[in-house]
Amino acid sequence: MTVASALEDLNNAILDIQQADYNTYGRPIRKLATALSDPDLQVINDDLKSKVDFDAFVGNSSKGGMAGSGQLDWPLG
């Protein structure tokens, strides 16, 4: 497989997720996970993950007072 075909699989999985609803999202999510774990994307994935501080992201996000009321603090850019 090439990077181009891996990205095409990734794009197809994203399109499937966009068409899914709460009853049918499971299979497209598994397709997305498979596409993201493609060995041809390993270098790209490693580079992207090295730039993310997940613990700080979660720590800076609000917890909310009620279940489901918390908000993630998404970066602007």
PDB file of N, CA and C in Angstrom:
ATOM      1  N   MET A   1       0.855  -1.173   0.000  1.00  0.00           N
ATOM      2  CA  MET A   1       0.000   0.000   0.000  1.00  0.00           C
ATOM      3  C   MET A   1       0.903   1.239   0.000  1.00  0.00           C
ATOM      4  N   THR A   2       0.420   2.301  -0.567  1.00  0.00           N
ATOM      5  CA  THR A   2       1.165   3.559  -0.603  1.00  0.00           C
ATOM      6  C   THR A   2       0.505   4.563   0.335  1.00  0.00           C
ATOM      7  N   VAL A   3       1.197   5.666   0.572  1.00  0.00           N
ATOM      8  CA  VAL A   3       0.621   6.731   1.403  1.00  0.00           C
ATOM      9  C   VAL A   3      -0.665   7.242   0.753  1.00  0.00           C
ATOM     10  N   ALA A   4      -0.658   7.375  -0.571  1.00  0.00           N
ATOM     11  CA  ALA A   4      -1.850   7.868  -1.279  1.00  0.00           C
ATOM     12  C   ALA A   4      -3.043   6.941  -1.063  1.00  0.00           C
ATOM     13  N   SER A   5      -2.834   5.636  -1.145  1.00  0.00           N
ATOM     14  CA  SER A   5      -3.954   4.716  -0.960  1.00  0.00           C
ATOM     15  C   SER A   5      -4.376   4.668   0.514  1.00  0.00           C
ATOM     16  N   ALA A   6      -3.413   4.818   1.429  1.00  0.00           N
ATOM     17  CA  ALA A   6      -3.757   4.875   2.856  1.00  0.00           C
ATOM     18  C   ALA A   6      -4.599   6.109   3.148  1.00  0.00           C
ATOM     19  N   LEU A   7      -4.238   7.243   2.547  1.00  0.00           N
ATOM     20  CA  LEU A   7      -5.023   8.464   2.742  1.00  0.00           C
ATOM     21  C   LEU A   7      -6.401   8.353   2.098  1.00  0.00           C
ATOM     22  N   GLU A   8      -6.495   7.636   0.993  1.00  0.00           N
ATOM     23  CA  GLU A   8      -7.798   7.415   0.355  1.00  0.00           C
ATOM     24  C   GLU A   8      -8.685   6.573   1.274  1.00  0.00           C
ATOM     25  N   ASP A   9      -8.120   5.522   1.891  1.00  0.00           N
ATOM     26  CA  ASP A   9      -8.879   4.720   2.854  1.00  0.00           C
ATOM     27  C   ASP A   9      -9.335   5.575   4.027  1.00  0.00           C
ATOM     28  N   LEU A  10      -8.453   6.450   4.491  1.00  0.00           N
ATOM     29  CA  LEU A  10      -8.781   7.358   5.586  1.00  0.00           C
ATOM     30  C   LEU A  10      -9.927   8.285   5.187  1.00  0.00           C
ATOM     31  N   ASN A  11      -9.843   8.851   4.008  1.00  0.00           N
ATOM     32  CA  ASN A  11     -10.899   9.736   3.516  1.00  0.00           C
ATOM     33  C   ASN A  11     -12.234   8.990   3.397  1.00  0.00           C
ATOM     34  N   ASN A  12     -12.200   7.769   2.875  1.00  0.00           N
ATOM     35  CA  ASN A  12     -13.431   6.985   2.745  1.00  0.00           C
ATOM     36  C   ASN A  12     -14.049   6.694   4.110  1.00  0.00           C
ATOM     37  N   ALA A  13     -13.206   6.401   5.099  1.00  0.00           N
ATOM     38  CA  ALA A  13     -13.720   6.154   6.445  1.00  0.00           C
ATOM     39  C   ALA A  13     -14.376   7.408   7.009  1.00  0.00           C
ATOM     40  N   ILE A  14     -13.762   8.562   6.779  1.00  0.00           N
ATOM     41  CA  ILE A  14     -14.338   9.829   7.256  1.00  0.00           C
ATOM     42  C   ILE A  14     -15.675  10.099   6.578  1.00  0.00           C
ATOM     43  N   LEU A  15     -15.755   9.863   5.289  1.00  0.00           N
ATOM     44  CA  LEU A  15     -17.020  10.050   4.575  1.00  0.00           C
ATOM     45  C   LEU A  15     -18.096   9.113   5.123  1.00  0.00           C
ATOM     46  N   ASP A  16     -17.718   7.870   5.443  1.00  0.00           N
ATOM     47  CA  ASP A  16     -18.673   6.928   6.026  1.00  0.00           C
ATOM     48  C   ASP A  16     -19.153   7.403   7.392  1.00  0.00           C
ATOM     49  N   ILE A  17     -18.241   7.961   8.197  1.00  0.00           N
ATOM     50  CA  ILE A  17     -18.631   8.478   9.514  1.00  0.00           C
ATOM     51  C   ILE A  17     -19.613   9.634   9.364  1.00  0.00           C
ATOM     52  N   GLN A  18     -19.386  10.487   8.379  1.00  0.00           N
ATOM     53  CA  GLN A  18     -20.277  11.631   8.166  1.00  0.00           C
ATOM     54  C   GLN A  18     -21.687  11.187   7.792  1.00  0.00           C
ATOM     55  N   GLN A  19     -21.814  10.024   7.170  1.00  0.00           N
ATOM     56  CA  GLN A  19     -23.124   9.522   6.772  1.00  0.00           C
ATOM     57  C   GLN A  19     -23.782   8.652   7.839  1.00  0.00           C
ATOM     58  N   ALA A  20     -23.027   8.317   8.879  1.00  0.00           N
ATOM     59  CA  ALA A  20     -23.528   7.417   9.919  1.00  0.00           C
ATOM     60  C   ALA A  20     -24.411   8.163  10.912  1.00  0.00           C
ATOM     61  N   ASP A  21     -25.204   7.401  11.639  1.00  0.00           N
ATOM     62  CA  ASP A  21     -25.950   7.962  12.756  1.00  0.00           C
ATOM     63  C   ASP A  21     -25.560   7.193  14.016  1.00  0.00           C
ATOM     64  N   TYR A  22     -26.222   7.454  15.115  1.00  0.00           N
ATOM     65  CA  TYR A  22     -25.813   6.858  16.375  1.00  0.00           C
ATOM     66  C   TYR A  22     -25.963   5.342  16.382  1.00  0.00           C
ATOM     67  N   ASN A  23     -26.746   4.790  15.483  1.00  0.00           N
ATOM     68  CA  ASN A  23     -26.901   3.340  15.404  1.00  0.00           C
ATOM     69  C   ASN A  23     -25.863   2.681  14.493  1.00  0.00           C
ATOM     70  N   THR A  24     -25.260   3.439  13.591  1.00  0.00           N
ATOM     71  CA  THR A  24     -24.418   2.830  12.553  1.00  0.00           C
ATOM     72  C   THR A  24     -22.984   3.347  12.531  1.00  0.00           C
ATOM     73  N   TYR A  25     -22.558   4.088  13.554  1.00  0.00           N
ATOM     74  CA  TYR A  25     -21.227   4.677  13.507  1.00  0.00           C
ATOM     75  C   TYR A  25     -20.111   3.689  13.868  1.00  0.00           C
ATOM     76  N   GLY A  26     -20.434   2.555  14.468  1.00  0.00           N
ATOM     77  CA  GLY A  26     -19.422   1.613  14.945  1.00  0.00           C
ATOM     78  C   GLY A  26     -18.503   1.098  13.847  1.00  0.00           C
ATOM     79  N   ARG A  27     -19.071   0.648  12.750  1.00  0.00           N
ATOM     80  CA  ARG A  27     -18.251   0.104  11.661  1.00  0.00           C
ATOM     81  C   ARG A  27     -17.361   1.178  11.031  1.00  0.00           C
ATOM     82  N   PRO A  28     -17.881   2.372  10.715  1.00  0.00           N
ATOM     83  CA  PRO A  28     -16.993   3.399  10.163  1.00  0.00           C
ATOM     84  C   PRO A  28     -15.883   3.824  11.127  1.00  0.00           C
ATOM     85  N   ILE A  29     -16.143   3.807  12.427  1.00  0.00           N
ATOM     86  CA  ILE A  29     -15.098   4.145  13.402  1.00  0.00           C
ATOM     87  C   ILE A  29     -14.002   3.086  13.366  1.00  0.00           C
ATOM     88  N   ARG A  30     -14.395   1.807  13.234  1.00  0.00           N
ATOM     89  CA  ARG A  30     -13.394   0.741  13.123  1.00  0.00           C
ATOM     90  C   ARG A  30     -12.594   0.893  11.825  1.00  0.00           C
ATOM     91  N   LYS A  31     -13.275   1.287  10.735  1.00  0.00           N
ATOM     92  CA  LYS A  31     -12.567   1.526   9.471  1.00  0.00           C
ATOM     93  C   LYS A  31     -11.578   2.681   9.616  1.00  0.00           C
ATOM     94  N   LEU A  32     -11.956   3.717  10.358  1.00  0.00           N
ATOM     95  CA  LEU A  32     -11.067   4.852  10.598  1.00  0.00           C
ATOM     96  C   LEU A  32      -9.834   4.412  11.394  1.00  0.00           C
ATOM     97  N   ALA A  33     -10.056   3.620  12.436  1.00  0.00           N
ATOM     98  CA  ALA A  33      -8.939   3.138  13.251  1.00  0.00           C
ATOM     99  C   ALA A  33      -7.992   2.280  12.411  1.00  0.00           C
ATOM    100  N   THR A  34      -8.543   1.445  11.552  1.00  0.00           N
ATOM    101  CA  THR A  34      -7.719   0.612  10.675  1.00  0.00           C
ATOM    102  C   THR A  34      -6.918   1.476   9.717  1.00  0.00           C
ATOM    103  N   ALA A  35      -7.567   2.475   9.136  1.00  0.00           N
ATOM    104  CA  ALA A  35      -6.884   3.361   8.187  1.00  0.00           C
ATOM    105  C   ALA A  35      -5.773   4.148   8.880  1.00  0.00           C
ATOM    106  N   LEU A  36      -6.021   4.611  10.092  1.00  0.00           N
ATOM    107  CA  LEU A  36      -5.013   5.380  10.818  1.00  0.00           C
ATOM    108  C   LEU A  36      -3.819   4.533  11.245  1.00  0.00           C
ATOM    109  N   SER A  37      -4.026   3.238  11.402  1.00  0.00           N
ATOM    110  CA  SER A  37      -2.937   2.369  11.838  1.00  0.00           C
ATOM    111  C   SER A  37      -2.140   1.789  10.681  1.00  0.00           C
ATOM    112  N   ASP A  38      -2.414   2.244   9.464  1.00  0.00           N
ATOM    113  CA  ASP A  38      -1.674   1.768   8.297  1.00  0.00           C
ATOM    114  C   ASP A  38      -0.187   2.085   8.462  1.00  0.00           C
ATOM    115  N   PRO A  39       0.698   1.125   8.245  1.00  0.00           N
ATOM    116  CA  PRO A  39       2.139   1.360   8.405  1.00  0.00           C
ATOM    117  C   PRO A  39       2.681   2.502   7.535  1.00  0.00           C
ATOM    118  N   ASP A  40       2.066   2.749   6.388  1.00  0.00           N
ATOM    119  CA  ASP A  40       2.528   3.843   5.525  1.00  0.00           C
ATOM    120  C   ASP A  40       2.274   5.212   6.129  1.00  0.00           C
ATOM    121  N   LEU A  41       1.383   5.293   7.104  1.00  0.00           N
ATOM    122  CA  LEU A  41       1.092   6.559   7.761  1.00  0.00           C
ATOM    123  C   LEU A  41       1.825   6.701   9.094  1.00  0.00           C
ATOM    124  N   GLN A  42       2.634   5.715   9.454  1.00  0.00           N
ATOM    125  CA  GLN A  42       3.301   5.703  10.758  1.00  0.00           C
ATOM    126  C   GLN A  42       4.137   6.957  11.002  1.00  0.00           C
ATOM    127  N   VAL A  43       4.942   7.366  10.025  1.00  0.00           N
ATOM    128  CA  VAL A  43       5.800   8.543  10.194  1.00  0.00           C
ATOM    129  C   VAL A  43       4.956   9.800  10.394  1.00  0.00           C
ATOM    130  N   ILE A  44       3.899   9.930   9.620  1.00  0.00           N
ATOM    131  CA  ILE A  44       3.002  11.087   9.743  1.00  0.00           C
ATOM    132  C   ILE A  44       2.328  11.073  11.106  1.00  0.00           C
ATOM    133  N   ASN A  45       1.805   9.924  11.519  1.00  0.00           N
ATOM    134  CA  ASN A  45       1.128   9.809  12.807  1.00  0.00           C
ATOM    135  C   ASN A  45       2.068  10.134  13.960  1.00  0.00           C
ATOM    136  N   ASP A  46       3.288   9.599  13.894  1.00  0.00           N
ATOM    137  CA  ASP A  46       4.258   9.864  14.962  1.00  0.00           C
ATOM    138  C   ASP A  46       4.580  11.351  15.059  1.00  0.00           C
ATOM    139  N   ASP A  47       4.726  12.009  13.915  1.00  0.00           N
ATOM    140  CA  ASP A  47       5.006  13.443  13.911  1.00  0.00           C
ATOM    141  C   ASP A  47       3.849  14.238  14.505  1.00  0.00           C
ATOM    142  N   LEU A  48       2.636  13.905  14.124  1.00  0.00           N
ATOM    143  CA  LEU A  48       1.471  14.615  14.651  1.00  0.00           C
ATOM    144  C   LEU A  48       1.312  14.381  16.153  1.00  0.00           C
ATOM    145  N   LYS A  49       1.491  13.143  16.594  1.00  0.00           N
ATOM    146  CA  LYS A  49       1.336  12.831  18.017  1.00  0.00           C
ATOM    147  C   LYS A  49       2.417  13.485  18.877  1.00  0.00           C
ATOM    148  N   SER A  50       3.585  13.699  18.311  1.00  0.00           N
ATOM    149  CA  SER A  50       4.661  14.316  19.092  1.00  0.00           C
ATOM    150  C   SER A  50       4.368  15.786  19.402  1.00  0.00           C
ATOM    151  N   LYS A  51       3.445  16.384  18.677  1.00  0.00           N
ATOM    152  CA  LYS A  51       3.116  17.798  18.857  1.00  0.00           C
ATOM    153  C   LYS A  51       1.910  18.014  19.776  1.00  0.00           C
ATOM    154  N   VAL A  52       1.358  16.924  20.315  1.00  0.00           N
ATOM    155  CA  VAL A  52       0.142  17.009  21.121  1.00  0.00           C
ATOM    156  C   VAL A  52       0.458  16.678  22.575  1.00  0.00           C
ATOM    157  N   ASP A  53       0.000  17.527  23.491  1.00  0.00           N
ATOM    158  CA  ASP A  53       0.110  17.252  24.918  1.00  0.00           C
ATOM    159  C   ASP A  53      -1.296  16.912  25.420  1.00  0.00           C
ATOM    160  N   PHE A  54      -1.637  15.636  25.350  1.00  0.00           N
ATOM    161  CA  PHE A  54      -2.988  15.193  25.672  1.00  0.00           C
ATOM    162  C   PHE A  54      -3.363  15.516  27.112  1.00  0.00           C
ATOM    163  N   ASP A  55      -2.431  15.295  28.038  1.00  0.00           N
ATOM    164  CA  ASP A  55      -2.726  15.552  29.449  1.00  0.00           C
ATOM    165  C   ASP A  55      -3.054  17.025  29.692  1.00  0.00           C
ATOM    166  N   ALA A  56      -2.324  17.939  29.055  1.00  0.00           N
ATOM    167  CA  ALA A  56      -2.604  19.373  29.197  1.00  0.00           C
ATOM    168  C   ALA A  56      -3.949  19.715  28.562  1.00  0.00           C
ATOM    169  N   PHE A  57      -4.245  19.109  27.416  1.00  0.00           N
ATOM    170  CA  PHE A  57      -5.518  19.343  26.735  1.00  0.00           C
ATOM    171  C   PHE A  57      -6.690  18.965  27.636  1.00  0.00           C
ATOM    172  N   VAL A  58      -6.623  17.784  28.211  1.00  0.00           N
ATOM    173  CA  VAL A  58      -7.703  17.329  29.086  1.00  0.00           C
ATOM    174  C   VAL A  58      -7.728  18.151  30.370  1.00  0.00           C
ATOM    175  N   GLY A  59      -6.553  18.468  30.918  1.00  0.00           N
ATOM    176  CA  GLY A  59      -6.486  19.238  32.150  1.00  0.00           C
ATOM    177  C   GLY A  59      -7.033  20.648  32.016  1.00  0.00           C
ATOM    178  N   ASN A  60      -6.888  21.253  30.841  1.00  0.00           N
ATOM    179  CA  ASN A  60      -7.376  22.615  30.604  1.00  0.00           C
ATOM    180  C   ASN A  60      -8.852  22.664  30.242  1.00  0.00           C
ATOM    181  N   SER A  61      -9.450  21.519  30.038  1.00  0.00           N
ATOM    182  CA  SER A  61     -10.860  21.469  29.653  1.00  0.00           C
ATOM    183  C   SER A  61     -11.734  21.480  30.898  1.00  0.00           C
ATOM    184  N   SER A  62     -12.935  22.043  30.761  1.00  0.00           N
ATOM    185  CA  SER A  62     -13.834  22.137  31.913  1.00  0.00           C
ATOM    186  C   SER A  62     -14.506  20.795  32.167  1.00  0.00           C
ATOM    187  N   LYS A  63     -14.750  20.515  33.426  1.00  0.00           N
ATOM    188  CA  LYS A  63     -15.393  19.256  33.801  1.00  0.00           C
ATOM    189  C   LYS A  63     -16.917  19.384  33.835  1.00  0.00           C
ATOM    190  N   GLY A  64     -17.410  20.559  34.134  1.00  0.00           N
ATOM    191  CA  GLY A  64     -18.848  20.769  34.223  1.00  0.00           C
ATOM    192  C   GLY A  64     -19.413  20.236  35.525  1.00  0.00           C
ATOM    193  N   GLY A  65     -20.547  20.758  35.925  1.00  0.00           N
ATOM    194  CA  GLY A  65     -21.175  20.350  37.169  1.00  0.00           C
ATOM    195  C   GLY A  65     -22.082  19.158  37.022  1.00  0.00           C
ATOM    196  N   MET A  66     -22.593  18.941  35.821  1.00  0.00           N
ATOM    197  CA  MET A  66     -23.506  17.832  35.584  1.00  0.00           C
ATOM    198  C   MET A  66     -22.887  16.908  34.534  1.00  0.00           C
ATOM    199  N   ALA A  67     -23.316  15.665  34.554  1.00  0.00           N
ATOM    200  CA  ALA A  67     -22.814  14.701  33.571  1.00  0.00           C
ATOM    201  C   ALA A  67     -23.091  15.214  32.157  1.00  0.00           C
ATOM    202  N   GLY A  68     -22.067  15.228  31.343  1.00  0.00           N
ATOM    203  CA  GLY A  68     -22.219  15.659  29.956  1.00  0.00           C
ATOM    204  C   GLY A  68     -22.130  17.151  29.743  1.00  0.00           C
ATOM    205  N   SER A  69     -21.887  17.922  30.809  1.00  0.00           N
ATOM    206  CA  SER A  69     -21.866  19.378  30.647  1.00  0.00           C
ATOM    207  C   SER A  69     -20.449  19.929  30.474  1.00  0.00           C
ATOM    208  N   GLY A  70     -19.433  19.087  30.576  1.00  0.00           N
ATOM    209  CA  GLY A  70     -18.055  19.549  30.402  1.00  0.00           C
ATOM    210  C   GLY A  70     -17.776  19.930  28.951  1.00  0.00           C
ATOM    211  N   GLN A  71     -16.750  20.745  28.771  1.00  0.00           N
ATOM    212  CA  GLN A  71     -16.385  21.159  27.410  1.00  0.00           C
ATOM    213  C   GLN A  71     -14.892  20.996  27.215  1.00  0.00           C
ATOM    214  N   LEU A  72     -14.507  20.523  26.040  1.00  0.00           N
ATOM    215  CA  LEU A  72     -13.098  20.403  25.696  1.00  0.00           C
ATOM    216  C   LEU A  72     -12.573  21.744  25.227  1.00  0.00           C
ATOM    217  N   ASP A  73     -11.354  22.068  25.616  1.00  0.00           N
ATOM    218  CA  ASP A  73     -10.707  23.324  25.252  1.00  0.00           C
ATOM    219  C   ASP A  73      -9.900  23.117  23.968  1.00  0.00           C
ATOM    220  N   TRP A  74     -10.605  23.136  22.821  1.00  0.00           N
ATOM    221  CA  TRP A  74      -9.961  22.893  21.533  1.00  0.00           C
ATOM    222  C   TRP A  74      -9.034  24.048  21.161  1.00  0.00           C
ATOM    223  N   PRO A  75      -7.842  23.731  20.665  1.00  0.00           N
ATOM    224  CA  PRO A  75      -6.926  24.805  20.244  1.00  0.00           C
ATOM    225  C   PRO A  75      -7.462  25.538  19.017  1.00  0.00           C
ATOM    226  N   LEU A  76      -7.073  26.791  18.877  1.00  0.00           N
ATOM    227  CA  LEU A  76      -7.549  27.593  17.748  1.00  0.00           C
ATOM    228  C   LEU A  76      -6.789  27.301  16.462  1.00  0.00           C
ATOM    229  N   GLY A  77      -5.588  26.853  16.545  1.00  0.00           N
ATOM    230  CA  GLY A  77      -4.845  26.630  15.316  1.00  0.00           C
ATOM    231  C   GLY A  77      -3.711  25.698  15.434  1.00  0.00           C
TER     232      GLY A  77
END
